[in-house]
Amino acid sequence: MNKNLFINEIKSINEEQMTIDMIGSTNKADRVGDVMKIEGIDIKNYLKNPVILQNHDYSKPAIGKALSVKVENGKLMFKIQFANTEEGREWFYLYKNGFMSAS
């Protein structure tokens, strides 16, 4: 697996509000070779219910929500607020402490 395929840039972390600002995607191929065309992305439908799921698993409760989503310099940027639930706190801890960095 090519480590260069991972998106691993967290811009900021706010512990009090349990938020992180991070890159969600770029035009580069992801770990399975998929490429998202950021310039043509349409997020209108996502913004109707901007949940953050653990491992994209719709069968589990959301671990947070996207407070903002925007395209910036060819990158899809997210401000994520983690839920004050056991799972939300666990995922926030994992990102805050560098155990998780990909999105």
C-alpha atoms as a PDB file:
ATOM      1  CA  MET A   1       0.000   0.000   0.000  1.00  0.00           C
ATOM      2  CA  ASN A   2       1.340   3.417  -0.924  1.00  0.00           C
ATOM      3  CA  LYS A   3       1.371   5.703   2.134  1.00  0.00           C
ATOM      4  CA  ASN A   4       1.272   8.747  -0.153  1.00  0.00           C
ATOM      5  CA  LEU A   5      -2.369   7.939  -0.917  1.00  0.00           C
ATOM      6  CA  PHE A   6      -3.486   8.787   2.613  1.00  0.00           C
ATOM      7  CA  ILE A   7      -4.917  12.209   3.324  1.00  0.00           C
ATOM      8  CA  ASN A   8      -3.496  13.063   6.694  1.00  0.00           C
ATOM      9  CA  GLU A   9      -3.572  16.766   7.280  1.00  0.00           C
ATOM     10  CA  ILE A  10      -5.453  18.061  10.278  1.00  0.00           C
ATOM     11  CA  LYS A  11      -5.389  21.865  10.263  1.00  0.00           C
ATOM     12  CA  SER A  12      -6.628  22.552  13.800  1.00  0.00           C
ATOM     13  CA  ILE A  13      -8.158  20.893  16.855  1.00  0.00           C
ATOM     14  CA  ASN A  14     -10.411  22.471  19.493  1.00  0.00           C
ATOM     15  CA  GLU A  15     -10.643  20.212  22.540  1.00  0.00           C
ATOM     16  CA  GLU A  16     -13.325  22.239  24.324  1.00  0.00           C
ATOM     17  CA  GLN A  17     -15.725  22.087  21.365  1.00  0.00           C
ATOM     18  CA  MET A  18     -14.486  18.657  20.171  1.00  0.00           C
ATOM     19  CA  THR A  19     -13.900  19.989  16.639  1.00  0.00           C
ATOM     20  CA  ILE A  20     -11.232  19.445  14.032  1.00  0.00           C
ATOM     21  CA  ASP A  21     -10.560  21.179  10.736  1.00  0.00           C
ATOM     22  CA  MET A  22      -9.165  18.762   8.186  1.00  0.00           C
ATOM     23  CA  ILE A  23      -8.803  17.815   4.556  1.00  0.00           C
ATOM     24  CA  GLY A  24     -11.561  15.398   3.607  1.00  0.00           C
ATOM     25  CA  SER A  25     -10.399  14.678   0.073  1.00  0.00           C
ATOM     26  CA  THR A  26      -8.227  15.887  -2.784  1.00  0.00           C
ATOM     27  CA  ASN A  27      -7.883  15.134  -6.502  1.00  0.00           C
ATOM     28  CA  LYS A  28      -5.268  12.472  -5.694  1.00  0.00           C
ATOM     29  CA  ALA A  29      -6.132   8.777  -5.829  1.00  0.00           C
ATOM     30  CA  ASP A  30      -7.227   7.328  -2.500  1.00  0.00           C
ATOM     31  CA  ARG A  31      -5.987   4.049  -1.021  1.00  0.00           C
ATOM     32  CA  VAL A  32      -8.175   1.969  -3.364  1.00  0.00           C
ATOM     33  CA  GLY A  33      -7.359   4.071  -6.421  1.00  0.00           C
ATOM     34  CA  ASP A  34     -10.564   6.136  -6.575  1.00  0.00           C
ATOM     35  CA  VAL A  35     -10.216   9.775  -7.620  1.00  0.00           C
ATOM     36  CA  MET A  36     -12.696  12.459  -6.605  1.00  0.00           C
ATOM     37  CA  LYS A  37     -12.969  15.430  -8.974  1.00  0.00           C
ATOM     38  CA  ILE A  38     -13.050  18.183  -6.353  1.00  0.00           C
ATOM     39  CA  GLU A  39     -13.699  20.991  -8.841  1.00  0.00           C
ATOM     40  CA  GLY A  40     -16.996  19.418  -9.934  1.00  0.00           C
ATOM     41  CA  ILE A  41     -18.229  18.214  -6.576  1.00  0.00           C
ATOM     42  CA  ASP A  42     -21.866  18.842  -5.661  1.00  0.00           C
ATOM     43  CA  ILE A  43     -22.389  18.703  -1.888  1.00  0.00           C
ATOM     44  CA  LYS A  44     -25.922  20.168  -1.776  1.00  0.00           C
ATOM     45  CA  ASN A  45     -27.534  16.837  -0.888  1.00  0.00           C
ATOM     46  CA  TYR A  46     -24.866  16.006   1.717  1.00  0.00           C
ATOM     47  CA  LEU A  47     -25.374  19.388   3.409  1.00  0.00           C
ATOM     48  CA  LYS A  48     -29.030  18.494   4.071  1.00  0.00           C
ATOM     49  CA  ASN A  49     -27.751  15.966   6.637  1.00  0.00           C
ATOM     50  CA  PRO A  50     -23.972  16.463   7.031  1.00  0.00           C
ATOM     51  CA  VAL A  51     -23.253  13.543   9.329  1.00  0.00           C
ATOM     52  CA  ILE A  52     -19.841  12.003   9.914  1.00  0.00           C
ATOM     53  CA  LEU A  53     -20.033   8.223  10.042  1.00  0.00           C
ATOM     54  CA  GLN A  54     -17.517   5.802  11.444  1.00  0.00           C
ATOM     55  CA  ASN A  55     -15.896   4.101   8.460  1.00  0.00           C
ATOM     56  CA  HIS A  56     -18.756   5.281   6.181  1.00  0.00           C
ATOM     57  CA  ASP A  57     -20.996   2.710   7.934  1.00  0.00           C
ATOM     58  CA  TYR A  58     -24.651   3.778   7.664  1.00  0.00           C
ATOM     59  CA  SER A  59     -25.712   0.954   9.995  1.00  0.00           C
ATOM     60  CA  LYS A  60     -24.049   2.696  12.980  1.00  0.00           C
ATOM     61  CA  PRO A  61     -24.921   6.028  14.599  1.00  0.00           C
ATOM     62  CA  ALA A  62     -23.077   9.132  13.455  1.00  0.00           C
ATOM     63  CA  ILE A  63     -19.961  10.073  15.410  1.00  0.00           C
ATOM     64  CA  GLY A  64     -20.249  13.740  14.504  1.00  0.00           C
ATOM     65  CA  LYS A  65     -21.434  16.327  12.038  1.00  0.00           C
ATOM     66  CA  ALA A  66     -19.813  18.620   9.522  1.00  0.00           C
ATOM     67  CA  LEU A  67     -20.175  22.210  10.695  1.00  0.00           C
ATOM     68  CA  SER A  68     -18.762  23.402   7.381  1.00  0.00           C
ATOM     69  CA  VAL A  69     -17.659  21.869   4.105  1.00  0.00           C
ATOM     70  CA  LYS A  70     -15.880  23.852   1.404  1.00  0.00           C
ATOM     71  CA  VAL A  71     -13.568  23.497  -1.550  1.00  0.00           C
ATOM     72  CA  GLU A  72     -10.305  25.331  -0.971  1.00  0.00           C
ATOM     73  CA  ASN A  73      -7.244  25.148  -3.247  1.00  0.00           C
ATOM     74  CA  GLY A  74      -8.364  21.854  -4.803  1.00  0.00           C
ATOM     75  CA  LYS A  75      -9.096  20.274  -1.410  1.00  0.00           C
ATOM     76  CA  LEU A  76     -12.416  19.373   0.195  1.00  0.00           C
ATOM     77  CA  MET A  77     -12.157  20.884   3.670  1.00  0.00           C
ATOM     78  CA  PHE A  78     -14.275  19.880   6.677  1.00  0.00           C
ATOM     79  CA  LYS A  79     -14.871  21.364  10.102  1.00  0.00           C
ATOM     80  CA  ILE A  80     -16.124  18.394  12.109  1.00  0.00           C
ATOM     81  CA  GLN A  81     -17.747  18.468  15.518  1.00  0.00           C
ATOM     82  CA  PHE A  82     -17.688  15.092  17.223  1.00  0.00           C
ATOM     83  CA  ALA A  83     -20.751  13.922  19.123  1.00  0.00           C
ATOM     84  CA  ASN A  84     -20.634  13.874  22.913  1.00  0.00           C
ATOM     85  CA  THR A  85     -21.252  10.125  22.885  1.00  0.00           C
ATOM     86  CA  GLU A  86     -18.914   7.264  23.733  1.00  0.00           C
ATOM     87  CA  GLU A  87     -18.137   6.694  20.049  1.00  0.00           C
ATOM     88  CA  GLY A  88     -17.802  10.405  19.244  1.00  0.00           C
ATOM     89  CA  ARG A  89     -15.416  10.988  22.156  1.00  0.00           C
ATOM     90  CA  GLU A  90     -13.405   7.902  21.173  1.00  0.00           C
ATOM     91  CA  TRP A  91     -12.985   9.036  17.554  1.00  0.00           C
ATOM     92  CA  PHE A  92     -12.102  12.583  18.647  1.00  0.00           C
ATOM     93  CA  TYR A  93      -9.429  11.123  20.954  1.00  0.00           C
ATOM     94  CA  LEU A  94      -8.039   9.008  18.111  1.00  0.00           C
ATOM     95  CA  TYR A  95      -7.711  12.012  15.793  1.00  0.00           C
ATOM     96  CA  LYS A  96      -6.454  14.384  18.502  1.00  0.00           C
ATOM     97  CA  ASN A  97      -3.714  11.991  19.542  1.00  0.00           C
ATOM     98  CA  GLY A  98      -2.603  10.969  16.058  1.00  0.00           C
ATOM     99  CA  PHE A  99      -3.944   7.408  16.046  1.00  0.00           C
ATOM    100  CA  MET A 100      -6.257   8.398  13.172  1.00  0.00           C
ATOM    101  CA  SER A 101      -5.433  10.887  10.483  1.00  0.00           C
ATOM    102  CA  ALA A 102      -7.032   9.685   7.269  1.00  0.00           C
ATOM    103  CA  SER A 103     -10.556  10.612   6.280  1.00  0.00           C
END
